[in-house]
Amino acid sequence: MSIKDTISHDYMSDNERFADAFNYFIYGGKQVIKPENLIDPYTMTDFDKLHTMLGDVMELIKYQNDGNYLKRAVKEKGENWALDIDSVNMVNAFTTANIPVNEAKEGKVIMCRMTEAIREEGRQEGIQEGRGEGRDALLIKLICKKLSKGKDQTTIIEELELEDEEEQVWAREMIDVASDFGPDYNPDRVFEAYMELQPKT
């Protein structure tokens, strides 16, 4: 479970907060659900005992970190499995999911289409991450090449034309590390050394 998911879990485990959120999204703020009557979705095992979409909401909350859950659920519940917009908003509020509701039909979101949207979003994030990693690799090669030509840190930063301040800080750190790898300045060894200096998570 990620740090963000853990914080969300711990925060929403408080029954008063959980009830407050349910009442806000489902009942427009009217205090219908009482904290003392709530159950923890993370401890539930039989969601079929809930005969409304609340069962699906609780199940989605419990299995939010299971990458295969949605695929299994669509297979079990059928391609026409749908949640109303309020239920989807609940799932989005209690998890790190970002289920789109803009394509809802007759007030309901077809979950089969939602899984396709999430899959596409993940694919695009992967592409962007790959592009970022590729750019970093290119910058390291450029830094090493410029160091091999005897250029100092200030000159290298200027020539790289990095507008973002965080990128400039990253480049300075990389230059400091790479300076110990002359005269060949091997980019792979420089990157490995840089990563070894990063805090372990």
Protein backbone atom coordinates (compact mmCIF):
# COMPACT_ATOMS: atom_id res chain seq x y z
CA MET A 1 0.00 0.00 0.00
CA SER A 2 1.41 3.43 -0.97
CA ILE A 3 1.84 6.24 1.55
CA LYS A 4 -1.09 8.07 -0.03
CA ASP A 5 -3.31 4.98 0.22
CA THR A 6 -2.25 4.36 3.82
CA ILE A 7 -3.10 7.94 4.83
CA SER A 8 -6.46 7.67 3.05
CA HIS A 9 -7.16 4.34 4.77
CA ASP A 10 -6.23 5.60 8.24
CA TYR A 11 -8.13 8.86 7.81
CA MET A 12 -11.31 7.25 6.55
CA SER A 13 -11.18 4.48 9.16
CA ASP A 14 -12.60 7.05 11.55
CA ASN A 15 -16.32 6.22 11.51
CA GLU A 16 -17.42 9.81 12.04
CA ARG A 17 -15.48 10.98 8.98
CA PHE A 18 -16.65 7.98 6.96
CA ALA A 19 -20.30 8.61 7.86
CA ASP A 20 -19.94 12.33 7.20
CA ALA A 21 -18.57 11.67 3.72
CA PHE A 22 -21.28 9.13 2.90
CA ASN A 23 -24.00 11.53 4.08
CA TYR A 24 -22.50 14.35 2.02
CA PHE A 25 -22.24 12.43 -1.25
CA ILE A 26 -25.34 10.24 -0.98
CA TYR A 27 -27.78 12.28 1.09
CA GLY A 28 -26.70 15.85 0.35
CA GLY A 29 -25.38 16.40 3.87
CA LYS A 30 -28.44 15.08 5.69
CA GLN A 31 -27.30 12.99 8.66
CA VAL A 32 -28.84 9.65 7.67
CA ILE A 33 -25.92 7.27 8.31
CA LYS A 34 -24.79 7.12 11.93
CA PRO A 35 -21.10 6.50 12.80
CA GLU A 36 -22.01 3.80 15.32
CA ASN A 37 -23.79 1.79 12.62
CA LEU A 38 -20.89 1.70 10.18
CA ILE A 39 -18.73 -1.27 9.27
CA ASP A 40 -15.13 -1.14 8.08
CA PRO A 41 -14.92 -2.09 4.36
CA TYR A 42 -11.38 -3.35 4.89
CA THR A 43 -12.64 -6.10 7.20
CA MET A 44 -15.68 -7.13 5.13
CA THR A 45 -15.77 -10.46 3.30
CA ASP A 46 -19.38 -10.85 2.09
CA PHE A 47 -20.40 -7.81 0.10
CA ASP A 48 -23.53 -9.54 -1.29
CA LYS A 49 -25.24 -8.92 2.04
CA LEU A 50 -25.51 -5.29 0.95
CA HIS A 51 -28.30 -5.21 -1.60
CA THR A 52 -27.61 -1.76 -3.07
CA MET A 53 -24.64 -0.22 -4.87
CA LEU A 54 -23.15 0.41 -1.45
CA GLY A 55 -21.84 -3.17 -1.60
CA ASP A 56 -19.94 -2.38 -4.80
CA VAL A 57 -18.62 0.84 -3.30
CA MET A 58 -17.32 -0.93 -0.20
CA GLU A 59 -15.78 -3.68 -2.32
CA LEU A 60 -14.02 -1.17 -4.57
CA ILE A 61 -12.66 0.63 -1.51
CA LYS A 62 -11.35 -2.59 0.02
CA TYR A 63 -9.64 -3.80 -3.14
CA GLN A 64 -8.38 -0.43 -4.40
CA ASN A 65 -4.77 -1.66 -4.40
CA ASP A 66 -5.52 -4.95 -6.18
CA GLY A 67 -4.56 -4.33 -9.80
CA ASN A 68 -6.58 -7.33 -11.00
CA TYR A 69 -9.74 -6.67 -9.01
CA LEU A 70 -11.62 -4.65 -11.62
CA LYS A 71 -10.95 -7.20 -14.33
CA ARG A 72 -12.24 -9.98 -12.05
CA ALA A 73 -15.24 -7.93 -10.97
CA VAL A 74 -16.31 -7.12 -14.54
CA LYS A 75 -16.00 -10.79 -15.43
CA GLU A 76 -18.12 -11.83 -12.43
CA LYS A 77 -20.71 -9.05 -12.58
CA GLY A 78 -20.98 -8.83 -16.36
CA GLU A 79 -20.16 -6.19 -18.96
CA ASN A 80 -23.27 -4.18 -18.06
CA TRP A 81 -22.19 -3.74 -14.43
CA ALA A 82 -22.73 -0.08 -13.62
CA LEU A 83 -22.60 2.34 -10.72
CA ASP A 84 -24.54 5.58 -10.36
CA ILE A 85 -22.58 8.82 -10.29
CA ASP A 86 -22.96 9.26 -6.51
CA SER A 87 -21.45 5.82 -5.93
CA VAL A 88 -18.56 6.57 -8.28
CA ASN A 89 -17.95 9.86 -6.47
CA MET A 90 -17.79 7.92 -3.22
CA VAL A 91 -15.18 5.55 -4.63
CA ASN A 92 -13.14 8.47 -5.96
CA ALA A 93 -13.34 10.24 -2.59
CA PHE A 94 -12.21 7.26 -0.53
CA THR A 95 -9.52 5.90 -2.84
CA THR A 96 -6.82 7.11 -5.20
CA ALA A 97 -9.05 6.16 -8.13
CA ASN A 98 -10.09 8.80 -10.63
CA ILE A 99 -13.06 7.14 -12.30
CA PRO A 100 -14.42 9.44 -15.02
CA VAL A 101 -18.13 10.27 -14.82
CA ASN A 102 -18.34 12.51 -17.87
CA GLU A 103 -19.45 9.63 -20.09
CA ALA A 104 -22.17 8.40 -17.75
CA LYS A 105 -25.41 7.41 -19.46
CA GLU A 106 -28.72 7.84 -17.69
CA GLY A 107 -26.80 8.68 -14.54
CA LYS A 108 -24.73 5.51 -14.52
CA VAL A 109 -21.11 4.66 -15.31
CA ILE A 110 -20.47 1.37 -17.11
CA MET A 111 -17.59 -0.13 -15.17
CA CYS A 112 -16.31 -2.12 -18.14
CA ARG A 113 -15.64 1.16 -19.96
CA MET A 114 -14.13 2.58 -16.80
CA THR A 115 -11.54 -0.20 -16.69
CA GLU A 116 -10.62 0.60 -20.29
CA ALA A 117 -10.26 4.30 -19.40
CA ILE A 118 -8.03 3.50 -16.41
CA ARG A 119 -5.94 1.12 -18.53
CA GLU A 120 -5.47 3.85 -21.15
CA GLU A 121 -4.58 6.40 -18.46
CA GLY A 122 -1.97 3.99 -17.08
CA ARG A 123 -0.59 3.45 -20.56
CA GLN A 124 -0.25 7.20 -21.12
CA GLU A 125 1.41 7.63 -17.70
CA GLY A 126 3.84 4.89 -18.64
CA ILE A 127 4.64 6.63 -21.90
CA GLN A 128 5.24 9.94 -20.13
CA GLU A 129 7.41 8.24 -17.50
CA GLY A 130 9.41 6.57 -20.24
CA ARG A 131 9.90 9.90 -21.97
CA GLY A 132 11.08 11.41 -18.69
CA GLU A 133 13.58 8.63 -18.13
CA GLY A 134 14.82 8.96 -21.70
CA ARG A 135 15.34 12.69 -21.24
CA ASP A 136 17.27 12.13 -18.00
CA ALA A 137 19.54 9.64 -19.75
CA LEU A 138 20.18 12.16 -22.52
CA LEU A 139 20.99 14.92 -20.02
CA ILE A 140 23.47 12.67 -18.20
CA LYS A 141 25.23 11.90 -21.48
CA LEU A 142 25.39 15.61 -22.33
CA ILE A 143 26.75 16.44 -18.87
CA CYS A 144 29.45 13.80 -19.18
CA LYS A 145 30.37 14.97 -22.67
CA LYS A 146 30.68 18.59 -21.56
CA LEU A 147 32.75 17.61 -18.52
CA SER A 148 35.11 15.67 -20.77
CA LYS A 149 35.66 18.91 -22.67
CA GLY A 150 36.71 20.66 -19.46
CA LYS A 151 33.62 22.82 -19.01
CA ASP A 152 32.68 23.95 -15.50
CA GLN A 153 29.32 23.58 -13.76
CA THR A 154 28.06 27.09 -14.48
CA THR A 155 28.83 26.78 -18.20
CA ILE A 156 27.18 23.35 -18.43
CA ILE A 157 24.00 24.55 -16.69
CA GLU A 158 23.77 27.51 -19.05
CA GLU A 159 24.33 25.38 -22.14
CA LEU A 160 21.72 22.83 -21.06
CA GLU A 161 19.16 25.68 -20.96
CA LEU A 162 17.16 24.15 -18.12
CA GLU A 163 14.34 26.53 -17.22
CA ASP A 164 12.88 24.50 -14.35
CA GLU A 165 14.65 25.18 -11.03
CA GLU A 166 14.29 21.56 -9.87
CA GLU A 167 15.95 20.35 -13.07
CA GLN A 168 18.81 22.79 -12.50
CA VAL A 169 19.30 21.46 -8.96
CA TRP A 170 19.22 17.89 -10.30
CA ALA A 171 21.78 18.77 -13.00
CA ARG A 172 24.13 20.39 -10.47
CA GLU A 173 23.97 17.29 -8.28
CA MET A 174 24.65 15.09 -11.28
CA ILE A 175 27.62 17.26 -12.31
CA ASP A 176 29.06 17.00 -8.78
CA VAL A 177 28.80 13.20 -8.91
CA ALA A 178 30.12 12.95 -12.47
CA SER A 179 33.17 15.07 -11.63
CA ASP A 180 34.65 12.08 -9.80
CA PHE A 181 34.51 9.88 -12.90
CA GLY A 182 36.98 11.68 -15.18
CA PRO A 183 38.52 11.54 -17.58
CA ASP A 184 36.16 9.09 -19.34
CA TYR A 185 32.94 10.19 -17.49
CA ASN A 186 30.98 7.01 -18.19
CA PRO A 187 27.25 7.97 -18.06
CA ASP A 188 26.12 4.58 -16.73
CA ARG A 189 28.60 4.61 -13.86
CA VAL A 190 27.71 8.23 -13.09
CA PHE A 191 24.01 7.40 -12.89
CA GLU A 192 24.63 4.36 -10.67
CA ALA A 193 26.74 6.45 -8.31
CA TYR A 194 24.07 9.15 -8.22
CA MET A 195 21.34 6.64 -7.36
CA GLU A 196 23.46 5.17 -4.55
CA LEU A 197 23.53 8.59 -2.93
CA GLN A 198 19.73 8.94 -2.94
CA PRO A 199 17.79 8.27 0.28
CA LYS A 200 16.45 4.73 0.47
CA THR A 201 12.64 4.53 0.59
